[in-house]
């Protein structure tokens, strides 16, 4: 088996308004599709599938075809936001169930469950897009996601968290809020802590923080790649490639996994090039796992993911 044959690739990509501009021009969508197809992900977790549910979900099916015939899953849009989340899975991933978490979520979570390469146990996969404007709601949404990481469950959760990592060894500094001129963004992305307004890291603390000597529920894969696998470039920024008034590029798009799945990780890449910058203000993030080790983990006698 070649090294490429032993790879299992999971990508996340938030394409601004699904690559369609206000005047209806879809050049960015075609560019983004070329980028995603070149990655050849086994699982692609998408955010901002703007209006993809319309016209019989035509855009979703077009995207699945451009990826090479992946199976598509699309969460429902809401009256407040026409930007649903979605998951695309290749034929290595056999779906067994599909869940949609919508109650109290600004963007419903798209949560299919798969058997990977006929492994005996199931893998729960969730594409997420946390609330953009309310830190308290983001914290509640993160608490909801912890239900996918109960003891023994196997899960990969990825997407746009609209908040910041809590760890001290990040390579990108948090925003200098005294220099941020977008006043609404300040309200959207800060919380009060010890009498001061600071960057909101609460969702990451909930999902990947250690508490009272207990290990985290989930592992931030980019942080794991940087600290355990010697890949500091995995901590590159993932958002604000276009905006200059919101504190500079930040690592708000993250992929998490339950610890046993994280232990099969081999690398994390943030893909930034001229095409990516033209297509979206968020670059894709790709987590690569050893397929052999992943299937071994998913053969351990633990409760199913669903």
Foldseek 3Di string as FASTA:
>chain_A
DDPVVQKAKEKEDEFVLCQADPVRDRPLNVLVLVVLLVVLHQKYKYKQPAQCPPPVSVVQVVSCVSNPNWDKFWADADPVGRIEIIMTHHPQWAWDDWDWADVLFNHIKTWTKTDGNVQPFIEIEIRDAGDQQDLVSLLVVLVVCLVLLPPQEWYKYWYFSNFAADDDPFPDDDFPVVQAPPVSNQNRAWDDDPRDTDGRNNSNCQQANADPNRGGSKHFLLVCCVPVVVCNQSRDFFFQLPDDRNRDGGNRTTMIIGVQQSVQWNHKHFDDDPSQSVSHRGTMIMIMGRNVSNSVSSNDPGDHSD
